[in-house]
Every structure is written in structure tokens, then in C-alpha cells.
Amino acid sequence: MELPPALVEGVRGLEPDGGQSGADWVDALPALLTAVLEDWGLAPDGPARHGRTALVVPVAGADLPRGAALKLVWPHAEAATEHLALRRWDGDGAVGLLRADPSRGALLLERLRDEDLTQMWDEQACEVVAELYGRLHVAPYPQAPRLSTWLAHQSEALAASGDALPRRLVARARSLMTQIAQDPACDATLVHTDLHFENVLSDGTDWVAIDPKPMAGHPAFEIAPMLGNRTDEMGTGSSLRYLVRRRAEVLCERSGIAWEQARDHTVVRECVTAMWAAQAGDRDRVSLAMSLVKALED
């Protein structure tokens, strides 16, 4: 099977993050795919898809009357416990996990439709996602990465980021990080952390989440990805600010997440995203992060 060129291009330059480099993983991927298919008695059953760091192949097998999807993931810290999160959710609000081999980054998942929330009316999509929060936000498993640890690392990174971002914003974000880390609820909930319009698919009867970057954190940490997605349809200036706030309001109203907590967690996440974007030379993403922060803090 020919690998998707966009996947190869996107992964090849990645440095090791707890496992192989992106280049080594891409080079070994055809053999890995062949081995997992043979070991699990599977056969490709449609064109391959991909995310930023994963190959997804529709597959058929003797024990899979509805088919399934084989996901092979480049080994990195954010994905290291994905299989444990999917097991904890057990198909309630998230794609079902049929089999896993964490040592090879292989997940056999229930097959879903190619139907996400990108074409749904904005507020209706927010209602769907808020409903998923209620199903996914359960007690975390012991191996889940901790939000408090993430906050400590990112606070240090912001402190060392120089003049990449406005100093006032960095100071605000670092102050919020300290406050959030001191909250007893900081690490108390299993959160998806990357739940947005494109990471919710239909299983034929229900909407379910895919591609978690699981963490033991706080429900309010979920809000930011929904605000930074589908922004091209929001316009600019006052229109952007109004629609960003409206999304956040719907998510909070429908999920019971407090507005102040959603705002503070989003300011933190967008400041960190802006730092990463600035380091990568992505000025558009830096500008978007600043706009999202301004919209919530006005």
C-alpha cells in the first residue's frame, strides 16, 4: 500500500518523542502495516486515510462483520496512553477499541462514517460536543499524563521564550497556570484535550470522539480546540469576537463548565499555542491565538 504523501511529509521531520524519529517510523511503516495485518488476520478494505501522525486503514477480518479501522500511530508522548483512554470510555462517547498493541502503536477501532461536524451549524455542533463532554469526563486512569505537570513545563517554557509574545500576556498566562495547578480539581477528570469539529465522527447512530490526546485534567481545558477550529467562517474584528464568545457560551451552558474557568484555561492554552507557533514561524496562528484571548477577555 502506498503511504499518503502528506503523512510522510508531515511526520518525516519529527524528532524522537519517547520512541522512533518520524523518519525512522515512516521508513518502517510499510513493514509494520504488513506485520500487524498478518498477525491480526486482517485485510485492507478501502483507501487509507491519515491524521497528522497516524495512518488509518479500513480493514476486514473473519470476526469483523462490520469491518474495522486499523490505526498505526507514530510513537509520541501525547498518544502513549490513547488505548487506555479508549478502554476507559468503552465506546461511550468515543470510538470503540477492539484490540490494541501499544508496543507497536497499533489500534483496531470500530469503523466510523466519513461524517464529522464541519458541515453542521456552528451552535448545533457545539451542543453535540458539550454533550460528549458529559460522557467522556470520567475519573482518569493512573497512567494518564497530569495537567499540573503540563502546566509546570509550559510555564517554564513561556518564561524562557524571550520576546516571542507580549510580556503582559505571558505574565497573565503564567499567573493563571499557578492558580489552575493549585485547584484540587486540576488533575481529577479524564479529558480528551483535542475535541473539535473534525475529531467527532458518526458511527451511524451517534456522534463519537476520535483521536484523543488524553490527560488527567479539568473539564474547562477542553474548550480551546473548539474555539480555534473553523475560524475562517467567523470573519474578523467584532464578528470574530462575538462568534468566539458565543461558541464558548454554548459549550459552557450545555456542559455546566463555569465561564471563568473556560476563559482562564483557554487563555493558558492559546498562549502556549502562540508560543509554539511563534517558534515555528507561523504568524497566522499567533495572530489567531491573540484574537481568541482578546475575545474572551474583553
C-alpha atoms as a PDB file:
ATOM      1  CA  MET A   1       0.000   0.000   0.000  1.00  0.00           C
ATOM      2  CA  GLU A   2       1.351   3.418  -0.958  1.00  0.00           C
ATOM      3  CA  LEU A   3       1.629   5.718   2.020  1.00  0.00           C
ATOM      4  CA  PRO A   4      -0.233   9.064   1.832  1.00  0.00           C
ATOM      5  CA  PRO A   5       2.368  11.643   0.758  1.00  0.00           C
ATOM      6  CA  ALA A   6       1.008  14.228   3.206  1.00  0.00           C
ATOM      7  CA  LEU A   7       1.545  11.837   6.109  1.00  0.00           C
ATOM      8  CA  VAL A   8       5.089  11.047   5.024  1.00  0.00           C
ATOM      9  CA  GLU A   9       5.911  14.732   4.597  1.00  0.00           C
ATOM     10  CA  GLY A  10       4.349  15.717   7.904  1.00  0.00           C
ATOM     11  CA  VAL A  11       5.995  13.028  10.024  1.00  0.00           C
ATOM     12  CA  ARG A  12       9.425  12.619   8.448  1.00  0.00           C
ATOM     13  CA  GLY A  13      10.916  15.708  10.079  1.00  0.00           C
ATOM     14  CA  LEU A  14       9.715  14.974  13.622  1.00  0.00           C
ATOM     15  CA  GLU A  15      12.303  14.429  16.317  1.00  0.00           C
ATOM     16  CA  PRO A  16      12.013  11.422  18.675  1.00  0.00           C
ATOM     17  CA  ASP A  17       9.478  11.911  21.476  1.00  0.00           C
ATOM     18  CA  GLY A  18       9.802   8.763  23.525  1.00  0.00           C
ATOM     19  CA  GLY A  19      10.360   6.458  20.532  1.00  0.00           C
ATOM     20  CA  GLN A  20      11.467   6.471  16.903  1.00  0.00           C
ATOM     21  CA  SER A  21      12.107   9.627  14.940  1.00  0.00           C
ATOM     22  CA  GLY A  22       9.490  10.464  12.357  1.00  0.00           C
ATOM     23  CA  ALA A  23      11.850   9.471   9.546  1.00  0.00           C
ATOM     24  CA  ASP A  24      12.613   6.064  11.053  1.00  0.00           C
ATOM     25  CA  TRP A  25       8.934   5.380  11.716  1.00  0.00           C
ATOM     26  CA  VAL A  26       7.866   6.309   8.179  1.00  0.00           C
ATOM     27  CA  ASP A  27      10.581   4.118   6.694  1.00  0.00           C
ATOM     28  CA  ALA A  28       9.458   1.157   8.834  1.00  0.00           C
ATOM     29  CA  LEU A  29       5.726   1.788   8.379  1.00  0.00           C
ATOM     30  CA  PRO A  30       5.090  -0.468   5.330  1.00  0.00           C
ATOM     31  CA  ALA A  31       6.662  -3.442   7.102  1.00  0.00           C
ATOM     32  CA  LEU A  32       4.815  -2.614  10.317  1.00  0.00           C
ATOM     33  CA  LEU A  33       1.498  -2.451   8.485  1.00  0.00           C
ATOM     34  CA  THR A  34       2.119  -5.788   6.782  1.00  0.00           C
ATOM     35  CA  ALA A  35       3.095  -7.441  10.062  1.00  0.00           C
ATOM     36  CA  VAL A  36       0.066  -6.196  12.022  1.00  0.00           C
ATOM     37  CA  LEU A  37      -2.332  -7.165   9.229  1.00  0.00           C
ATOM     38  CA  GLU A  38      -0.887 -10.678   9.165  1.00  0.00           C
ATOM     39  CA  ASP A  39      -0.740 -11.081  12.940  1.00  0.00           C
ATOM     40  CA  TRP A  40      -4.347  -9.976  13.417  1.00  0.00           C
ATOM     41  CA  GLY A  41      -5.781 -11.750  10.365  1.00  0.00           C
ATOM     42  CA  LEU A  42      -6.840  -8.533   8.640  1.00  0.00           C
ATOM     43  CA  ALA A  43      -7.026  -7.380   5.025  1.00  0.00           C
ATOM     44  CA  PRO A  44      -7.222  -3.801   3.705  1.00  0.00           C
ATOM     45  CA  ASP A  45     -10.796  -2.901   2.832  1.00  0.00           C
ATOM     46  CA  GLY A  46     -10.652   0.577   1.353  1.00  0.00           C
ATOM     47  CA  PRO A  47      -8.396   3.579   0.775  1.00  0.00           C
ATOM     48  CA  ALA A  48      -6.074   4.603   3.589  1.00  0.00           C
ATOM     49  CA  ARG A  49      -6.642   7.828   5.495  1.00  0.00           C
ATOM     50  CA  HIS A  50      -4.335   9.678   7.786  1.00  0.00           C
ATOM     51  CA  GLY A  51      -4.083  12.246  10.523  1.00  0.00           C
ATOM     52  CA  ARG A  52      -1.051  14.338  11.325  1.00  0.00           C
ATOM     53  CA  THR A  53       0.840  11.434  12.914  1.00  0.00           C
ATOM     54  CA  ALA A  54      -1.195   8.311  12.155  1.00  0.00           C
ATOM     55  CA  LEU A  55      -2.144   6.018   9.278  1.00  0.00           C
ATOM     56  CA  VAL A  56      -5.714   4.685   9.322  1.00  0.00           C
ATOM     57  CA  VAL A  57      -6.593   1.731   7.079  1.00  0.00           C
ATOM     58  CA  PRO A  58     -10.132   0.303   6.737  1.00  0.00           C
ATOM     59  CA  VAL A  59      -9.842  -3.441   7.277  1.00  0.00           C
ATOM     60  CA  ALA A  60     -11.912  -6.606   7.098  1.00  0.00           C
ATOM     61  CA  GLY A  61     -11.492  -9.817   9.057  1.00  0.00           C
ATOM     62  CA  ALA A  62     -13.285 -13.070   9.797  1.00  0.00           C
ATOM     63  CA  ASP A  63     -14.525 -11.777  13.166  1.00  0.00           C
ATOM     64  CA  LEU A  64     -15.402  -8.297  11.905  1.00  0.00           C
ATOM     65  CA  PRO A  65     -18.787  -8.427  10.127  1.00  0.00           C
ATOM     66  CA  ARG A  66     -18.999  -4.622  10.054  1.00  0.00           C
ATOM     67  CA  GLY A  67     -15.343  -4.098   9.271  1.00  0.00           C
ATOM     68  CA  ALA A  68     -12.983  -2.013  11.361  1.00  0.00           C
ATOM     69  CA  ALA A  69     -10.170   0.512  11.081  1.00  0.00           C
ATOM     70  CA  LEU A  70      -6.514  -0.179  11.833  1.00  0.00           C
ATOM     71  CA  LYS A  71      -4.705   2.853  13.225  1.00  0.00           C
ATOM     72  CA  LEU A  72      -0.897   2.946  13.336  1.00  0.00           C
ATOM     73  CA  VAL A  73       0.477   5.881  15.317  1.00  0.00           C
ATOM     74  CA  TRP A  74       3.939   7.456  15.325  1.00  0.00           C
ATOM     75  CA  PRO A  75       5.143   6.934  18.928  1.00  0.00           C
ATOM     76  CA  HIS A  76       4.971  10.183  20.868  1.00  0.00           C
ATOM     77  CA  ALA A  77       4.050  11.264  24.378  1.00  0.00           C
ATOM     78  CA  GLU A  78       0.594  12.663  23.587  1.00  0.00           C
ATOM     79  CA  ALA A  79      -0.549   9.345  22.092  1.00  0.00           C
ATOM     80  CA  ALA A  80       1.148   6.989  24.546  1.00  0.00           C
ATOM     81  CA  THR A  81      -1.992   6.208  26.570  1.00  0.00           C
ATOM     82  CA  GLU A  82      -4.671   6.632  23.897  1.00  0.00           C
ATOM     83  CA  HIS A  83      -5.557   2.940  24.169  1.00  0.00           C
ATOM     84  CA  LEU A  84      -6.112   3.267  27.921  1.00  0.00           C
ATOM     85  CA  ALA A  85      -8.461   6.227  27.450  1.00  0.00           C
ATOM     86  CA  LEU A  86     -10.466   4.333  24.840  1.00  0.00           C
ATOM     87  CA  ARG A  87     -10.696   1.350  27.166  1.00  0.00           C
ATOM     88  CA  ARG A  88     -11.875   3.580  29.998  1.00  0.00           C
ATOM     89  CA  TRP A  89     -14.595   5.118  27.810  1.00  0.00           C
ATOM     90  CA  ASP A  90     -15.529   1.691  26.374  1.00  0.00           C
ATOM     91  CA  GLY A  91     -17.353   3.149  23.389  1.00  0.00           C
ATOM     92  CA  ASP A  92     -19.440   5.605  25.443  1.00  0.00           C
ATOM     93  CA  GLY A  93     -18.886   8.892  23.635  1.00  0.00           C
ATOM     94  CA  ALA A  94     -15.698   7.706  21.927  1.00  0.00           C
ATOM     95  CA  VAL A  95     -14.816   5.318  19.118  1.00  0.00           C
ATOM     96  CA  GLY A  96     -14.808   1.703  20.266  1.00  0.00           C
ATOM     97  CA  LEU A  97     -11.469  -0.040  20.766  1.00  0.00           C
ATOM     98  CA  LEU A  98     -11.444  -3.651  19.561  1.00  0.00           C
ATOM     99  CA  ARG A  99      -7.779  -4.522  20.065  1.00  0.00           C
ATOM    100  CA  ALA A 100      -4.510  -2.779  20.899  1.00  0.00           C
ATOM    101  CA  ASP A 101      -0.780  -3.399  20.729  1.00  0.00           C
ATOM    102  CA  PRO A 102       0.769  -0.336  22.416  1.00  0.00           C
ATOM    103  CA  SER A 103       4.323  -1.528  21.766  1.00  0.00           C
ATOM    104  CA  ARG A 104       3.683  -1.170  18.031  1.00  0.00           C
ATOM    105  CA  GLY A 105       1.338   1.818  18.239  1.00  0.00           C
ATOM    106  CA  ALA A 106      -1.446  -0.311  16.722  1.00  0.00           C
ATOM    107  CA  LEU A 107      -5.129   0.182  17.498  1.00  0.00           C
ATOM    108  CA  LEU A 108      -8.018  -1.736  15.949  1.00  0.00           C
ATOM    109  CA  LEU A 109     -11.056   0.542  16.093  1.00  0.00           C
ATOM    110  CA  GLU A 110     -14.697   0.278  15.164  1.00  0.00           C
ATOM    111  CA  ARG A 111     -15.342   1.580  11.668  1.00  0.00           C
ATOM    112  CA  LEU A 112     -16.976   5.001  11.516  1.00  0.00           C
ATOM    113  CA  ARG A 113     -18.529   7.044   8.741  1.00  0.00           C
ATOM    114  CA  ASP A 114     -16.711   9.850   6.921  1.00  0.00           C
ATOM    115  CA  GLU A 115     -19.068  12.367   8.504  1.00  0.00           C
ATOM    116  CA  ASP A 116     -17.872  14.949  11.007  1.00  0.00           C
ATOM    117  CA  LEU A 117     -19.210  18.222  12.429  1.00  0.00           C
ATOM    118  CA  THR A 118     -17.616  20.592   9.934  1.00  0.00           C
ATOM    119  CA  GLN A 119     -20.829  20.969   7.916  1.00  0.00           C
ATOM    120  CA  MET A 120     -23.146  21.269  10.912  1.00  0.00           C
ATOM    121  CA  TRP A 121     -24.471  24.652  12.050  1.00  0.00           C
ATOM    122  CA  ASP A 122     -21.933  26.100  14.454  1.00  0.00           C
ATOM    123  CA  GLU A 123     -24.057  26.241  17.608  1.00  0.00           C
ATOM    124  CA  GLN A 124     -25.582  22.822  16.973  1.00  0.00           C
ATOM    125  CA  ALA A 125     -22.085  21.334  16.657  1.00  0.00           C
ATOM    126  CA  CYS A 126     -21.145  22.975  19.955  1.00  0.00           C
ATOM    127  CA  GLU A 127     -24.165  21.337  21.578  1.00  0.00           C
ATOM    128  CA  VAL A 128     -23.040  17.925  20.274  1.00  0.00           C
ATOM    129  CA  VAL A 129     -19.544  18.416  21.653  1.00  0.00           C
ATOM    130  CA  ALA A 130     -20.817  19.687  25.004  1.00  0.00           C
ATOM    131  CA  GLU A 131     -22.940  16.538  25.297  1.00  0.00           C
ATOM    132  CA  LEU A 132     -19.828  14.459  24.640  1.00  0.00           C
ATOM    133  CA  TYR A 133     -18.025  16.252  27.478  1.00  0.00           C
ATOM    134  CA  GLY A 134     -20.603  14.819  29.855  1.00  0.00           C
ATOM    135  CA  ARG A 135     -19.890  11.280  28.688  1.00  0.00           C
ATOM    136  CA  LEU A 136     -16.119  11.493  28.380  1.00  0.00           C
ATOM    137  CA  HIS A 137     -15.339  13.371  31.602  1.00  0.00           C
ATOM    138  CA  VAL A 138     -14.911  10.440  33.957  1.00  0.00           C
ATOM    139  CA  ALA A 139     -12.309   9.501  36.561  1.00  0.00           C
ATOM    140  CA  PRO A 140      -8.839   9.240  34.974  1.00  0.00           C
ATOM    141  CA  TYR A 141      -6.754   6.082  34.864  1.00  0.00           C
ATOM    142  CA  PRO A 142      -3.481   6.100  36.842  1.00  0.00           C
ATOM    143  CA  GLN A 143      -1.169   6.306  33.804  1.00  0.00           C
ATOM    144  CA  ALA A 144      -2.803   9.422  32.332  1.00  0.00           C
ATOM    145  CA  PRO A 145      -0.458  12.423  31.985  1.00  0.00           C
ATOM    146  CA  ARG A 146      -1.260  15.139  34.524  1.00  0.00           C
ATOM    147  CA  LEU A 147      -2.392  18.660  33.637  1.00  0.00           C
ATOM    148  CA  SER A 148      -0.443  20.001  36.613  1.00  0.00           C
ATOM    149  CA  THR A 149       2.761  18.568  35.147  1.00  0.00           C
ATOM    150  CA  TRP A 150       1.962  20.061  31.734  1.00  0.00           C
ATOM    151  CA  LEU A 151       1.349  23.457  33.324  1.00  0.00           C
ATOM    152  CA  ALA A 152       4.690  23.394  35.134  1.00  0.00           C
ATOM    153  CA  HIS A 153       6.591  22.519  31.961  1.00  0.00           C
ATOM    154  CA  GLN A 154       4.807  25.095  29.827  1.00  0.00           C
ATOM    155  CA  SER A 155       5.235  27.826  32.422  1.00  0.00           C
ATOM    156  CA  GLU A 156       8.974  27.251  32.323  1.00  0.00           C
ATOM    157  CA  ALA A 157       8.913  27.305  28.517  1.00  0.00           C
ATOM    158  CA  LEU A 158       7.000  30.585  28.490  1.00  0.00           C
ATOM    159  CA  ALA A 159       9.440  32.115  30.946  1.00  0.00           C
ATOM    160  CA  ALA A 160      12.286  31.199  28.586  1.00  0.00           C
ATOM    161  CA  SER A 161      10.514  32.288  25.389  1.00  0.00           C
ATOM    162  CA  GLY A 162      12.029  35.768  25.330  1.00  0.00           C
ATOM    163  CA  ASP A 163      10.150  38.355  23.294  1.00  0.00           C
ATOM    164  CA  ALA A 164       8.211  35.907  21.148  1.00  0.00           C
ATOM    165  CA  LEU A 165       4.958  37.034  22.810  1.00  0.00           C
ATOM    166  CA  PRO A 166       3.812  40.181  24.606  1.00  0.00           C
ATOM    167  CA  ARG A 167       5.192  40.163  28.130  1.00  0.00           C
ATOM    168  CA  ARG A 168       1.825  41.098  29.624  1.00  0.00           C
ATOM    169  CA  LEU A 169       0.204  38.039  28.040  1.00  0.00           C
ATOM    170  CA  VAL A 170       2.982  35.731  29.215  1.00  0.00           C
ATOM    171  CA  ALA A 171       2.699  37.079  32.752  1.00  0.00           C
ATOM    172  CA  ARG A 172      -1.083  36.652  32.674  1.00  0.00           C
ATOM    173  CA  ALA A 173      -0.826  33.063  31.408  1.00  0.00           C
ATOM    174  CA  ARG A 174       1.812  32.055  33.941  1.00  0.00           C
ATOM    175  CA  SER A 175      -0.234  33.521  36.779  1.00  0.00           C
ATOM    176  CA  LEU A 176      -3.265  31.554  35.607  1.00  0.00           C
ATOM    177  CA  MET A 177      -1.157  28.389  35.355  1.00  0.00           C
ATOM    178  CA  THR A 178      -0.244  28.715  39.025  1.00  0.00           C
ATOM    179  CA  GLN A 179      -3.891  29.242  40.009  1.00  0.00           C
ATOM    180  CA  ILE A 180      -5.126  26.304  37.943  1.00  0.00           C
ATOM    181  CA  ALA A 181      -2.435  23.948  39.279  1.00  0.00           C
ATOM    182  CA  GLN A 182      -3.486  24.799  42.843  1.00  0.00           C
ATOM    183  CA  ASP A 183      -7.130  23.889  42.144  1.00  0.00           C
ATOM    184  CA  PRO A 184      -7.920  20.500  43.770  1.00  0.00           C
ATOM    185  CA  ALA A 185      -9.841  19.607  40.593  1.00  0.00           C
ATOM    186  CA  CYS A 186      -6.823  20.240  38.338  1.00  0.00           C
ATOM    187  CA  ASP A 187      -5.997  16.550  37.706  1.00  0.00           C
ATOM    188  CA  ALA A 188      -9.317  14.981  38.674  1.00  0.00           C
ATOM    189  CA  THR A 189     -11.001  14.334  35.303  1.00  0.00           C
ATOM    190  CA  LEU A 190     -10.117  12.364  32.188  1.00  0.00           C
ATOM    191  CA  VAL A 191     -10.175  14.868  29.319  1.00  0.00           C
ATOM    192  CA  HIS A 192      -9.807  14.346  25.577  1.00  0.00           C
ATOM    193  CA  THR A 193      -7.879  17.667  25.068  1.00  0.00           C
ATOM    194  CA  ASP A 194      -8.286  17.762  21.260  1.00  0.00           C
ATOM    195  CA  LEU A 195     -12.048  17.609  20.821  1.00  0.00           C
ATOM    196  CA  HIS A 196     -13.091  19.794  17.880  1.00  0.00           C
ATOM    197  CA  PHE A 197     -15.353  19.677  14.821  1.00  0.00           C
ATOM    198  CA  GLU A 198     -13.136  17.280  12.830  1.00  0.00           C
ATOM    199  CA  ASN A 199     -12.496  14.893  15.721  1.00  0.00           C
ATOM    200  CA  VAL A 200     -16.158  13.914  16.106  1.00  0.00           C
ATOM    201  CA  LEU A 201     -17.453  11.299  13.645  1.00  0.00           C
ATOM    202  CA  SER A 202     -20.709   9.410  13.168  1.00  0.00           C
ATOM    203  CA  ASP A 203     -20.974   5.710  13.973  1.00  0.00           C
ATOM    204  CA  GLY A 204     -24.269   5.575  12.091  1.00  0.00           C
ATOM    205  CA  THR A 205     -26.493   6.314  15.069  1.00  0.00           C
ATOM    206  CA  ASP A 206     -24.452   8.574  17.332  1.00  0.00           C
ATOM    207  CA  TRP A 207     -21.594  11.081  17.368  1.00  0.00           C
ATOM    208  CA  VAL A 208     -18.352   9.822  18.913  1.00  0.00           C
ATOM    209  CA  ALA A 209     -14.953  11.333  19.618  1.00  0.00           C
ATOM    210  CA  ILE A 210     -11.759  10.150  17.917  1.00  0.00           C
ATOM    211  CA  ASP A 211      -8.028  10.845  18.264  1.00  0.00           C
ATOM    212  CA  PRO A 212      -7.814  11.763  21.962  1.00  0.00           C
ATOM    213  CA  LYS A 213      -4.664  13.237  23.461  1.00  0.00           C
ATOM    214  CA  PRO A 214      -5.802  12.092  26.908  1.00  0.00           C
ATOM    215  CA  MET A 215      -4.891  13.806  30.132  1.00  0.00           C
ATOM    216  CA  ALA A 216      -5.939  13.830  33.757  1.00  0.00           C
ATOM    217  CA  GLY A 217      -7.073  17.412  33.883  1.00  0.00           C
ATOM    218  CA  HIS A 218     -10.021  19.758  34.258  1.00  0.00           C
ATOM    219  CA  PRO A 219     -13.164  19.859  32.073  1.00  0.00           C
ATOM    220  CA  ALA A 220     -12.518  23.529  31.214  1.00  0.00           C
ATOM    221  CA  PHE A 221      -9.292  22.501  29.460  1.00  0.00           C
ATOM    222  CA  GLU A 222     -11.462  21.069  26.648  1.00  0.00           C
ATOM    223  CA  ILE A 223     -12.898  24.379  25.413  1.00  0.00           C
ATOM    224  CA  ALA A 224      -9.959  25.844  23.461  1.00  0.00           C
ATOM    225  CA  PRO A 225      -9.876  23.397  20.490  1.00  0.00           C
ATOM    226  CA  MET A 226     -13.489  24.229  19.638  1.00  0.00           C
ATOM    227  CA  LEU A 227     -12.716  27.943  19.515  1.00  0.00           C
ATOM    228  CA  GLY A 228      -9.656  27.636  17.269  1.00  0.00           C
ATOM    229  CA  ASN A 229     -11.354  25.458  14.638  1.00  0.00           C
ATOM    230  CA  ARG A 230     -13.471  26.634  11.663  1.00  0.00           C
ATOM    231  CA  THR A 231     -12.382  30.220  12.309  1.00  0.00           C
ATOM    232  CA  ASP A 232     -12.345  31.157   8.609  1.00  0.00           C
ATOM    233  CA  GLU A 233     -16.153  31.348   8.683  1.00  0.00           C
ATOM    234  CA  MET A 234     -16.201  33.780  11.621  1.00  0.00           C
ATOM    235  CA  GLY A 235     -14.899  36.857   9.855  1.00  0.00           C
ATOM    236  CA  THR A 236     -12.652  39.309  11.674  1.00  0.00           C
ATOM    237  CA  GLY A 237     -12.841  42.046  14.293  1.00  0.00           C
ATOM    238  CA  SER A 238     -16.108  42.357  16.185  1.00  0.00           C
ATOM    239  CA  SER A 239     -17.679  39.470  14.238  1.00  0.00           C
ATOM    240  CA  LEU A 240     -14.901  37.094  15.256  1.00  0.00           C
ATOM    241  CA  ARG A 241     -15.057  38.214  18.881  1.00  0.00           C
ATOM    242  CA  TYR A 242     -18.823  37.765  19.074  1.00  0.00           C
ATOM    243  CA  LEU A 243     -18.824  34.310  17.481  1.00  0.00           C
ATOM    244  CA  VAL A 244     -15.902  33.061  19.582  1.00  0.00           C
ATOM    245  CA  ARG A 245     -17.676  34.147  22.748  1.00  0.00           C
ATOM    246  CA  ARG A 246     -20.923  32.624  21.528  1.00  0.00           C
ATOM    247  CA  ARG A 247     -19.258  29.252  20.948  1.00  0.00           C
ATOM    248  CA  ALA A 248     -17.770  29.356  24.431  1.00  0.00           C
ATOM    249  CA  GLU A 249     -21.124  30.337  25.924  1.00  0.00           C
ATOM    250  CA  VAL A 250     -22.950  27.425  24.259  1.00  0.00           C
ATOM    251  CA  LEU A 251     -20.255  24.951  25.333  1.00  0.00           C
ATOM    252  CA  CYS A 252     -20.398  26.214  28.919  1.00  0.00           C
ATOM    253  CA  GLU A 253     -24.191  26.443  29.104  1.00  0.00           C
ATOM    254  CA  ARG A 254     -24.687  22.935  27.749  1.00  0.00           C
ATOM    255  CA  SER A 255     -21.929  21.274  29.770  1.00  0.00           C
ATOM    256  CA  GLY A 256     -22.101  23.136  33.067  1.00  0.00           C
ATOM    257  CA  ILE A 257     -18.482  24.314  32.817  1.00  0.00           C
ATOM    258  CA  ALA A 258     -18.080  27.691  34.513  1.00  0.00           C
ATOM    259  CA  TRP A 259     -17.391  30.584  32.135  1.00  0.00           C
ATOM    260  CA  GLU A 260     -14.497  31.922  34.196  1.00  0.00           C
ATOM    261  CA  GLN A 261     -12.786  28.538  34.228  1.00  0.00           C
ATOM    262  CA  ALA A 262     -13.308  28.075  30.487  1.00  0.00           C
ATOM    263  CA  ARG A 263     -11.852  31.529  29.854  1.00  0.00           C
ATOM    264  CA  ASP A 264      -8.801  31.002  32.071  1.00  0.00           C
ATOM    265  CA  HIS A 265      -7.952  27.553  30.696  1.00  0.00           C
ATOM    266  CA  THR A 266      -8.358  28.820  27.138  1.00  0.00           C
ATOM    267  CA  VAL A 267      -6.102  31.820  27.743  1.00  0.00           C
ATOM    268  CA  VAL A 268      -3.444  29.424  29.028  1.00  0.00           C
ATOM    269  CA  ARG A 269      -3.787  27.004  26.114  1.00  0.00           C
ATOM    270  CA  GLU A 270      -3.810  29.726  23.464  1.00  0.00           C
ATOM    271  CA  CYS A 271      -0.784  31.438  24.960  1.00  0.00           C
ATOM    272  CA  VAL A 272       1.117  28.141  24.835  1.00  0.00           C
ATOM    273  CA  THR A 273      -0.102  27.522  21.279  1.00  0.00           C
ATOM    274  CA  ALA A 274       1.045  31.017  20.314  1.00  0.00           C
ATOM    275  CA  MET A 275       4.485  30.290  21.773  1.00  0.00           C
ATOM    276  CA  TRP A 276       4.810  27.095  19.726  1.00  0.00           C
ATOM    277  CA  ALA A 277       3.519  28.866  16.614  1.00  0.00           C
ATOM    278  CA  ALA A 278       5.975  31.735  17.064  1.00  0.00           C
ATOM    279  CA  GLN A 279       8.842  29.274  17.337  1.00  0.00           C
ATOM    280  CA  ALA A 280       7.656  27.630  14.109  1.00  0.00           C
ATOM    281  CA  GLY A 281       7.308  30.962  12.316  1.00  0.00           C
ATOM    282  CA  ASP A 282       3.520  30.566  11.967  1.00  0.00           C
ATOM    283  CA  ARG A 283       2.435  34.184  12.317  1.00  0.00           C
ATOM    284  CA  ASP A 284      -1.161  33.460  11.328  1.00  0.00           C
ATOM    285  CA  ARG A 285      -1.610  31.049  14.239  1.00  0.00           C
ATOM    286  CA  VAL A 286      -0.003  33.530  16.630  1.00  0.00           C
ATOM    287  CA  SER A 287      -2.454  36.188  15.434  1.00  0.00           C
ATOM    288  CA  LEU A 288      -5.408  33.816  15.846  1.00  0.00           C
ATOM    289  CA  ALA A 289      -4.349  32.937  19.385  1.00  0.00           C
ATOM    290  CA  MET A 290      -4.158  36.616  20.275  1.00  0.00           C
ATOM    291  CA  SER A 291      -7.621  37.176  18.797  1.00  0.00           C
ATOM    292  CA  LEU A 292      -9.121  34.290  20.760  1.00  0.00           C
ATOM    293  CA  VAL A 293      -7.636  35.550  24.010  1.00  0.00           C
ATOM    294  CA  LYS A 294      -8.885  39.082  23.341  1.00  0.00           C
ATOM    295  CA  ALA A 295     -12.368  37.809  22.507  1.00  0.00           C
ATOM    296  CA  LEU A 296     -12.688  36.032  25.842  1.00  0.00           C
ATOM    297  CA  GLU A 297     -11.071  38.710  27.983  1.00  0.00           C
ATOM    298  CA  ASP A 298     -12.922  41.742  26.558  1.00  0.00           C
END
